[in-house]
């Protein structure tokens, strides 16, 4: 039986005026190492739009083939007395000055959710992105993702929102889903929000979703400079620059 792709989704709490430095550190200084040593792909690095979510904040997402791949990555990181890969001591020391901590999830991709390679090959990108978190009834996340694919994807597409990824959160009794959408520009977002209560297809989707969802939160994000959906490629060693 084939396994779904997995993702580590990170909310990273930035300290002071360090978001741009952290963008550079996590993409150019870390991602090429993760690609080479762990086979880990950078799915996306975004900054949250503070008026819609916590700030200053960064969202990191990393792509893995399956549970075995993720377990091997955890083994590399945590099988040490410090619970950190010793080869990354300098990287961690620099990162400590840029962030105060974070909150992570393991996500399981829906069958229809594209990989980062598929997204970049097809040129999916946005001037901004919508990040939806759905708190669904326990045990219903898989069925809810099916509804996303069948109902929400065509409804959102009609209003210029393109699917980036649809996931259920692992380790939480199938009670949370996260869905990402790309919008071509800020005007498209304005039109989408104006239509959410007026357009028949969007109103119908929301009414169906409410039968399964206890709470939802949509916030906005913008690509970091070296995020794959912005550049069309994975971060490279040649992207490295001094942080200061």
C-alpha atoms as a PDB file:
ATOM      1  CA  UNK A   1       0.000   0.000   0.000  1.00  0.00           C
ATOM      2  CA  UNK A   2       1.430   3.369  -1.000  1.00  0.00           C
ATOM      3  CA  UNK A   3       1.888   5.960   1.732  1.00  0.00           C
ATOM      4  CA  UNK A   4       0.963   9.620   1.553  1.00  0.00           C
ATOM      5  CA  UNK A   5       3.603  12.323   1.558  1.00  0.00           C
ATOM      6  CA  UNK A   6       4.252  13.903   4.938  1.00  0.00           C
ATOM      7  CA  UNK A   7       5.116  17.455   5.914  1.00  0.00           C
ATOM      8  CA  UNK A   8       6.488  19.186   8.960  1.00  0.00           C
ATOM      9  CA  UNK A   9       4.628  22.475   9.366  1.00  0.00           C
ATOM     10  CA  UNK A  10       6.298  25.007  11.658  1.00  0.00           C
ATOM     11  CA  UNK A  11       5.085  28.230  13.220  1.00  0.00           C
ATOM     12  CA  UNK A  12       8.317  30.073  14.060  1.00  0.00           C
ATOM     13  CA  UNK A  13       8.256  32.985  16.520  1.00  0.00           C
ATOM     14  CA  UNK A  14      10.665  35.672  15.340  1.00  0.00           C
ATOM     15  CA  UNK A  15      12.403  38.024  17.755  1.00  0.00           C
ATOM     16  CA  UNK A  16      12.773  41.713  16.993  1.00  0.00           C
ATOM     17  CA  UNK A  17      13.452  42.828  13.430  1.00  0.00           C
ATOM     18  CA  UNK A  18      14.918  39.489  12.384  1.00  0.00           C
ATOM     19  CA  UNK A  19      12.385  38.032   9.978  1.00  0.00           C
ATOM     20  CA  UNK A  20      14.421  38.834   6.851  1.00  0.00           C
ATOM     21  CA  UNK A  21      17.563  37.362   8.454  1.00  0.00           C
ATOM     22  CA  UNK A  22      15.675  34.239   9.454  1.00  0.00           C
ATOM     23  CA  UNK A  23      14.305  33.871   5.907  1.00  0.00           C
ATOM     24  CA  UNK A  24      17.880  33.813   4.617  1.00  0.00           C
ATOM     25  CA  UNK A  25      19.146  31.516   7.365  1.00  0.00           C
ATOM     26  CA  UNK A  26      16.422  28.875   7.002  1.00  0.00           C
ATOM     27  CA  UNK A  27      16.439  28.784   3.199  1.00  0.00           C
ATOM     28  CA  UNK A  28      20.019  29.306   2.003  1.00  0.00           C
ATOM     29  CA  UNK A  29      21.866  28.175   5.140  1.00  0.00           C
ATOM     30  CA  UNK A  30      19.712  25.190   6.142  1.00  0.00           C
ATOM     31  CA  UNK A  31      17.646  23.872   3.235  1.00  0.00           C
ATOM     32  CA  UNK A  32      20.590  22.724   1.047  1.00  0.00           C
ATOM     33  CA  UNK A  33      21.879  20.717   4.034  1.00  0.00           C
ATOM     34  CA  UNK A  34      18.475  19.148   4.590  1.00  0.00           C
ATOM     35  CA  UNK A  35      18.213  18.273   0.914  1.00  0.00           C
ATOM     36  CA  UNK A  36      21.632  16.603   0.806  1.00  0.00           C
ATOM     37  CA  UNK A  37      21.746  14.866   4.183  1.00  0.00           C
ATOM     38  CA  UNK A  38      18.074  14.022   4.724  1.00  0.00           C
ATOM     39  CA  UNK A  39      16.389  14.127   1.315  1.00  0.00           C
ATOM     40  CA  UNK A  40      14.121  16.824   2.739  1.00  0.00           C
ATOM     41  CA  UNK A  41      12.473  19.201   0.275  1.00  0.00           C
ATOM     42  CA  UNK A  42      11.536  22.763   1.125  1.00  0.00           C
ATOM     43  CA  UNK A  43       7.808  23.087   0.387  1.00  0.00           C
ATOM     44  CA  UNK A  44       7.563  26.743   1.331  1.00  0.00           C
ATOM     45  CA  UNK A  45       8.764  29.499   3.655  1.00  0.00           C
ATOM     46  CA  UNK A  46       6.316  32.325   4.277  1.00  0.00           C
ATOM     47  CA  UNK A  47       5.860  35.345   6.496  1.00  0.00           C
ATOM     48  CA  UNK A  48       2.457  35.869   8.058  1.00  0.00           C
ATOM     49  CA  UNK A  49       0.490  39.036   7.394  1.00  0.00           C
ATOM     50  CA  UNK A  50       0.383  40.357  10.938  1.00  0.00           C
ATOM     51  CA  UNK A  51      -3.067  41.900  10.761  1.00  0.00           C
ATOM     52  CA  UNK A  52      -4.467  38.402  10.161  1.00  0.00           C
ATOM     53  CA  UNK A  53      -2.309  36.306  12.542  1.00  0.00           C
ATOM     54  CA  UNK A  54       0.443  36.301  15.151  1.00  0.00           C
ATOM     55  CA  UNK A  55       3.431  38.519  14.348  1.00  0.00           C
ATOM     56  CA  UNK A  56       6.286  38.601  13.625  1.00  0.00           C
ATOM     57  CA  UNK A  57       6.037  35.005  12.482  1.00  0.00           C
ATOM     58  CA  UNK A  58       7.355  32.657   9.802  1.00  0.00           C
ATOM     59  CA  UNK A  59       5.741  29.485   8.454  1.00  0.00           C
ATOM     60  CA  UNK A  60       8.123  26.718   7.330  1.00  0.00           C
ATOM     61  CA  UNK A  61       6.982  23.562   5.541  1.00  0.00           C
ATOM     62  CA  UNK A  62       9.210  20.583   4.707  1.00  0.00           C
ATOM     63  CA  UNK A  63       8.257  17.659   2.469  1.00  0.00           C
ATOM     64  CA  UNK A  64       8.994  13.952   3.111  1.00  0.00           C
ATOM     65  CA  UNK A  65       8.236  10.858   1.063  1.00  0.00           C
ATOM     66  CA  UNK A  66       6.476   8.896   3.826  1.00  0.00           C
ATOM     67  CA  UNK A  67       6.579   7.967   7.517  1.00  0.00           C
ATOM     68  CA  UNK A  68       9.840   6.031   7.098  1.00  0.00           C
ATOM     69  CA  UNK A  69      11.506   9.103   5.617  1.00  0.00           C
ATOM     70  CA  UNK A  70      10.310  11.324   8.458  1.00  0.00           C
ATOM     71  CA  UNK A  71      11.370   8.771  11.087  1.00  0.00           C
ATOM     72  CA  UNK A  72      14.862   8.645   9.596  1.00  0.00           C
ATOM     73  CA  UNK A  73      15.054  12.440   9.726  1.00  0.00           C
ATOM     74  CA  UNK A  74      14.041  12.389  13.395  1.00  0.00           C
ATOM     75  CA  UNK A  75      16.696   9.736  14.072  1.00  0.00           C
ATOM     76  CA  UNK A  76      19.397  11.960  12.579  1.00  0.00           C
ATOM     77  CA  UNK A  77      18.259  14.922  14.657  1.00  0.00           C
ATOM     78  CA  UNK A  78      17.413  13.396  18.034  1.00  0.00           C
ATOM     79  CA  UNK A  79      19.744  10.419  18.606  1.00  0.00           C
ATOM     80  CA  UNK A  80      22.218  12.609  20.494  1.00  0.00           C
ATOM     81  CA  UNK A  81      22.473  13.674  24.156  1.00  0.00           C
ATOM     82  CA  UNK A  82      21.718  17.281  23.155  1.00  0.00           C
ATOM     83  CA  UNK A  83      18.698  16.263  21.004  1.00  0.00           C
ATOM     84  CA  UNK A  84      20.337  18.227  18.191  1.00  0.00           C
ATOM     85  CA  UNK A  85      22.427  17.127  15.227  1.00  0.00           C
ATOM     86  CA  UNK A  86      25.994  18.036  16.346  1.00  0.00           C
ATOM     87  CA  UNK A  87      26.960  18.981  12.792  1.00  0.00           C
ATOM     88  CA  UNK A  88      24.408  21.821  12.956  1.00  0.00           C
ATOM     89  CA  UNK A  89      25.669  23.412  16.175  1.00  0.00           C
ATOM     90  CA  UNK A  90      26.782  26.597  14.415  1.00  0.00           C
ATOM     91  CA  UNK A  91      23.499  26.841  12.505  1.00  0.00           C
ATOM     92  CA  UNK A  92      21.473  26.473  15.717  1.00  0.00           C
ATOM     93  CA  UNK A  93      23.626  29.065  17.486  1.00  0.00           C
ATOM     94  CA  UNK A  94      22.926  31.600  14.746  1.00  0.00           C
ATOM     95  CA  UNK A  95      19.204  30.727  14.650  1.00  0.00           C
ATOM     96  CA  UNK A  96      18.898  31.268  18.407  1.00  0.00           C
ATOM     97  CA  UNK A  97      19.495  34.986  17.873  1.00  0.00           C
ATOM     98  CA  UNK A  98      16.640  35.221  15.369  1.00  0.00           C
ATOM     99  CA  UNK A  99      13.769  33.259  16.941  1.00  0.00           C
ATOM    100  CA  UNK A 100      12.348  32.399  20.353  1.00  0.00           C
ATOM    101  CA  UNK A 101      10.689  29.058  19.585  1.00  0.00           C
ATOM    102  CA  UNK A 102       7.725  27.752  17.670  1.00  0.00           C
ATOM    103  CA  UNK A 103       4.887  25.264  17.302  1.00  0.00           C
ATOM    104  CA  UNK A 104       5.028  22.348  14.850  1.00  0.00           C
ATOM    105  CA  UNK A 105       2.659  19.841  13.293  1.00  0.00           C
ATOM    106  CA  UNK A 106       3.087  16.700  11.209  1.00  0.00           C
ATOM    107  CA  UNK A 107       0.782  16.888   8.186  1.00  0.00           C
ATOM    108  CA  UNK A 108      -0.425  14.078   5.925  1.00  0.00           C
ATOM    109  CA  UNK A 109      -1.178  15.120   2.349  1.00  0.00           C
ATOM    110  CA  UNK A 110      -4.488  14.374   0.664  1.00  0.00           C
ATOM    111  CA  UNK A 111      -4.239  12.212  -2.447  1.00  0.00           C
ATOM    112  CA  UNK A 112      -5.009  15.216  -4.659  1.00  0.00           C
ATOM    113  CA  UNK A 113      -2.519  17.527  -2.920  1.00  0.00           C
ATOM    114  CA  UNK A 114       0.434  18.390  -5.200  1.00  0.00           C
ATOM    115  CA  UNK A 115       4.084  17.954  -4.260  1.00  0.00           C
ATOM    116  CA  UNK A 116       6.455  20.908  -4.345  1.00  0.00           C
ATOM    117  CA  UNK A 117       7.990  19.506  -7.545  1.00  0.00           C
ATOM    118  CA  UNK A 118       4.552  19.407  -9.171  1.00  0.00           C
ATOM    119  CA  UNK A 119       3.756  22.936  -8.016  1.00  0.00           C
ATOM    120  CA  UNK A 120       6.976  24.445  -9.326  1.00  0.00           C
ATOM    121  CA  UNK A 121       6.764  22.495 -12.600  1.00  0.00           C
ATOM    122  CA  UNK A 122       3.284  23.887 -13.233  1.00  0.00           C
ATOM    123  CA  UNK A 123       4.248  27.410 -12.173  1.00  0.00           C
ATOM    124  CA  UNK A 124       1.863  27.710  -9.227  1.00  0.00           C
ATOM    125  CA  UNK A 125       2.634  30.860  -7.253  1.00  0.00           C
ATOM    126  CA  UNK A 126       0.905  33.805  -5.655  1.00  0.00           C
ATOM    127  CA  UNK A 127       1.520  37.358  -4.615  1.00  0.00           C
ATOM    128  CA  UNK A 128      -0.074  36.138  -1.389  1.00  0.00           C
ATOM    129  CA  UNK A 129      -1.432  32.911   0.076  1.00  0.00           C
ATOM    130  CA  UNK A 130      -4.396  31.969   2.248  1.00  0.00           C
ATOM    131  CA  UNK A 131      -3.748  29.513   5.082  1.00  0.00           C
ATOM    132  CA  UNK A 132      -6.913  27.823   6.397  1.00  0.00           C
ATOM    133  CA  UNK A 133      -6.954  25.842   9.650  1.00  0.00           C
ATOM    134  CA  UNK A 134     -10.071  23.740  10.194  1.00  0.00           C
ATOM    135  CA  UNK A 135     -10.872  22.221  13.590  1.00  0.00           C
ATOM    136  CA  UNK A 136     -13.148  19.360  12.525  1.00  0.00           C
ATOM    137  CA  UNK A 137     -15.073  16.776  14.501  1.00  0.00           C
ATOM    138  CA  UNK A 138     -12.779  13.961  15.732  1.00  0.00           C
ATOM    139  CA  UNK A 139     -12.380  11.261  13.108  1.00  0.00           C
ATOM    140  CA  UNK A 140     -13.665  13.402  10.216  1.00  0.00           C
ATOM    141  CA  UNK A 141     -10.511  14.941   8.744  1.00  0.00           C
ATOM    142  CA  UNK A 142     -10.207  12.424   5.893  1.00  0.00           C
ATOM    143  CA  UNK A 143     -13.821  12.869   4.823  1.00  0.00           C
ATOM    144  CA  UNK A 144     -13.435  16.630   5.131  1.00  0.00           C
ATOM    145  CA  UNK A 145     -10.420  16.593   2.810  1.00  0.00           C
ATOM    146  CA  UNK A 146     -12.505  14.672   0.275  1.00  0.00           C
ATOM    147  CA  UNK A 147     -15.026  17.525   0.445  1.00  0.00           C
ATOM    148  CA  UNK A 148     -12.227  20.042  -0.062  1.00  0.00           C
ATOM    149  CA  UNK A 149     -11.187  18.282  -3.251  1.00  0.00           C
ATOM    150  CA  UNK A 150     -14.704  17.818  -4.591  1.00  0.00           C
ATOM    151  CA  UNK A 151     -16.348  21.094  -3.565  1.00  0.00           C
ATOM    152  CA  UNK A 152     -13.912  23.729  -2.300  1.00  0.00           C
ATOM    153  CA  UNK A 153     -11.245  23.391  -5.001  1.00  0.00           C
ATOM    154  CA  UNK A 154     -13.577  24.201  -7.936  1.00  0.00           C
ATOM    155  CA  UNK A 155     -15.434  26.847  -5.904  1.00  0.00           C
ATOM    156  CA  UNK A 156     -12.224  28.628  -4.924  1.00  0.00           C
ATOM    157  CA  UNK A 157     -10.756  28.267  -8.418  1.00  0.00           C
ATOM    158  CA  UNK A 158     -13.732  30.187  -9.792  1.00  0.00           C
ATOM    159  CA  UNK A 159     -12.540  33.093  -7.633  1.00  0.00           C
ATOM    160  CA  UNK A 160      -8.844  32.923  -8.612  1.00  0.00           C
ATOM    161  CA  UNK A 161      -7.675  30.893  -5.589  1.00  0.00           C
ATOM    162  CA  UNK A 162      -5.485  27.963  -6.664  1.00  0.00           C
ATOM    163  CA  UNK A 163      -4.846  24.972  -4.430  1.00  0.00           C
ATOM    164  CA  UNK A 164      -1.306  24.737  -3.029  1.00  0.00           C
ATOM    165  CA  UNK A 165      -1.863  21.933  -0.543  1.00  0.00           C
ATOM    166  CA  UNK A 166      -4.513  20.070   1.464  1.00  0.00           C
ATOM    167  CA  UNK A 167      -3.518  18.141   4.570  1.00  0.00           C
ATOM    168  CA  UNK A 168      -4.818  16.461   7.692  1.00  0.00           C
ATOM    169  CA  UNK A 169      -2.829  16.868  10.882  1.00  0.00           C
ATOM    170  CA  UNK A 170      -1.270  13.672  12.151  1.00  0.00           C
ATOM    171  CA  UNK A 171      -1.180  12.516  15.790  1.00  0.00           C
ATOM    172  CA  UNK A 172      -4.429  14.316  16.754  1.00  0.00           C
ATOM    173  CA  UNK A 173      -7.220  11.754  16.147  1.00  0.00           C
ATOM    174  CA  UNK A 174      -8.114  13.064  12.674  1.00  0.00           C
ATOM    175  CA  UNK A 175      -9.570  16.335  13.954  1.00  0.00           C
ATOM    176  CA  UNK A 176      -7.657  19.063  12.097  1.00  0.00           C
ATOM    177  CA  UNK A 177      -7.066  20.012   8.461  1.00  0.00           C
ATOM    178  CA  UNK A 178      -4.868  22.676   6.893  1.00  0.00           C
ATOM    179  CA  UNK A 179      -5.410  23.965   3.365  1.00  0.00           C
ATOM    180  CA  UNK A 180      -3.229  26.448   1.454  1.00  0.00           C
ATOM    181  CA  UNK A 181      -4.303  28.561  -1.513  1.00  0.00           C
ATOM    182  CA  UNK A 182      -2.387  30.878  -3.857  1.00  0.00           C
ATOM    183  CA  UNK A 183      -3.886  34.158  -5.025  1.00  0.00           C
ATOM    184  CA  UNK A 184      -2.413  36.076  -7.974  1.00  0.00           C
ATOM    185  CA  UNK A 185      -2.560  39.512  -6.332  1.00  0.00           C
ATOM    186  CA  UNK A 186      -4.063  41.531  -3.489  1.00  0.00           C
ATOM    187  CA  UNK A 187      -6.995  42.621  -5.608  1.00  0.00           C
ATOM    188  CA  UNK A 188      -7.926  38.955  -6.073  1.00  0.00           C
ATOM    189  CA  UNK A 189      -7.946  38.495  -2.303  1.00  0.00           C
ATOM    190  CA  UNK A 190     -10.235  41.500  -1.913  1.00  0.00           C
ATOM    191  CA  UNK A 191     -12.616  40.054  -4.492  1.00  0.00           C
ATOM    192  CA  UNK A 192     -12.518  36.649  -2.797  1.00  0.00           C
ATOM    193  CA  UNK A 193     -13.396  38.036   0.632  1.00  0.00           C
ATOM    194  CA  UNK A 194     -16.150  40.164  -0.880  1.00  0.00           C
ATOM    195  CA  UNK A 195     -17.592  37.090  -2.594  1.00  0.00           C
ATOM    196  CA  UNK A 196     -17.354  34.669   0.338  1.00  0.00           C
ATOM    197  CA  UNK A 197     -20.881  35.474   1.556  1.00  0.00           C
ATOM    198  CA  UNK A 198     -22.373  36.370  -1.817  1.00  0.00           C
ATOM    199  CA  UNK A 199     -21.242  33.861  -4.457  1.00  0.00           C
ATOM    200  CA  UNK A 200     -23.475  30.783  -4.548  1.00  0.00           C
ATOM    201  CA  UNK A 201     -20.624  28.269  -4.847  1.00  0.00           C
ATOM    202  CA  UNK A 202     -18.671  29.763  -1.923  1.00  0.00           C
ATOM    203  CA  UNK A 203     -21.734  30.125   0.274  1.00  0.00           C
ATOM    204  CA  UNK A 204     -22.746  26.538  -0.495  1.00  0.00           C
ATOM    205  CA  UNK A 205     -19.255  25.313   0.416  1.00  0.00           C
ATOM    206  CA  UNK A 206     -19.293  27.134   3.746  1.00  0.00           C
ATOM    207  CA  UNK A 207     -22.712  25.756   4.629  1.00  0.00           C
ATOM    208  CA  UNK A 208     -21.549  22.195   3.931  1.00  0.00           C
ATOM    209  CA  UNK A 209     -18.286  22.710   5.806  1.00  0.00           C
ATOM    210  CA  UNK A 210     -20.071  23.935   8.942  1.00  0.00           C
ATOM    211  CA  UNK A 211     -21.586  20.478   9.419  1.00  0.00           C
ATOM    212  CA  UNK A 212     -18.097  19.160  10.117  1.00  0.00           C
ATOM    213  CA  UNK A 213     -16.104  22.172  11.354  1.00  0.00           C
ATOM    214  CA  UNK A 214     -16.148  23.439  14.922  1.00  0.00           C
ATOM    215  CA  UNK A 215     -13.826  26.370  14.307  1.00  0.00           C
ATOM    216  CA  UNK A 216     -11.811  27.799  11.426  1.00  0.00           C
ATOM    217  CA  UNK A 217      -9.140  30.457  11.015  1.00  0.00           C
ATOM    218  CA  UNK A 218      -7.923  31.857   7.716  1.00  0.00           C
ATOM    219  CA  UNK A 219      -4.857  34.069   7.680  1.00  0.00           C
ATOM    220  CA  UNK A 220      -2.601  35.429   4.965  1.00  0.00           C
ATOM    221  CA  UNK A 221       1.041  34.755   4.113  1.00  0.00           C
ATOM    222  CA  UNK A 222       3.639  36.088   1.680  1.00  0.00           C
ATOM    223  CA  UNK A 223       6.553  34.136   0.175  1.00  0.00           C
ATOM    224  CA  UNK A 224      10.068  34.611   1.479  1.00  0.00           C
ATOM    225  CA  UNK A 225      12.573  35.623  -1.243  1.00  0.00           C
ATOM    226  CA  UNK A 226      13.959  32.077  -1.681  1.00  0.00           C
ATOM    227  CA  UNK A 227      10.727  30.135  -1.172  1.00  0.00           C
ATOM    228  CA  UNK A 228      10.376  27.525  -3.960  1.00  0.00           C
ATOM    229  CA  UNK A 229       7.018  28.789  -5.217  1.00  0.00           C
ATOM    230  CA  UNK A 230       8.583  32.219  -5.732  1.00  0.00           C
ATOM    231  CA  UNK A 231      11.824  31.041  -7.362  1.00  0.00           C
ATOM    232  CA  UNK A 232      10.596  27.851  -9.050  1.00  0.00           C
ATOM    233  CA  UNK A 233      13.412  25.810  -7.457  1.00  0.00           C
ATOM    234  CA  UNK A 234      14.859  24.570  -4.183  1.00  0.00           C
ATOM    235  CA  UNK A 235      17.208  26.862  -2.212  1.00  0.00           C
ATOM    236  CA  UNK A 236      20.889  26.418  -3.118  1.00  0.00           C
ATOM    237  CA  UNK A 237      24.253  26.849  -1.441  1.00  0.00           C
ATOM    238  CA  UNK A 238      24.967  29.581  -3.993  1.00  0.00           C
ATOM    239  CA  UNK A 239      22.121  31.605  -2.431  1.00  0.00           C
ATOM    240  CA  UNK A 240      24.099  32.103   0.781  1.00  0.00           C
ATOM    241  CA  UNK A 241      24.835  35.659   1.883  1.00  0.00           C
ATOM    242  CA  UNK A 242      25.979  37.217   5.169  1.00  0.00           C
ATOM    243  CA  UNK A 243      23.071  37.643   7.573  1.00  0.00           C
ATOM    244  CA  UNK A 244      24.241  41.141   8.517  1.00  0.00           C
END
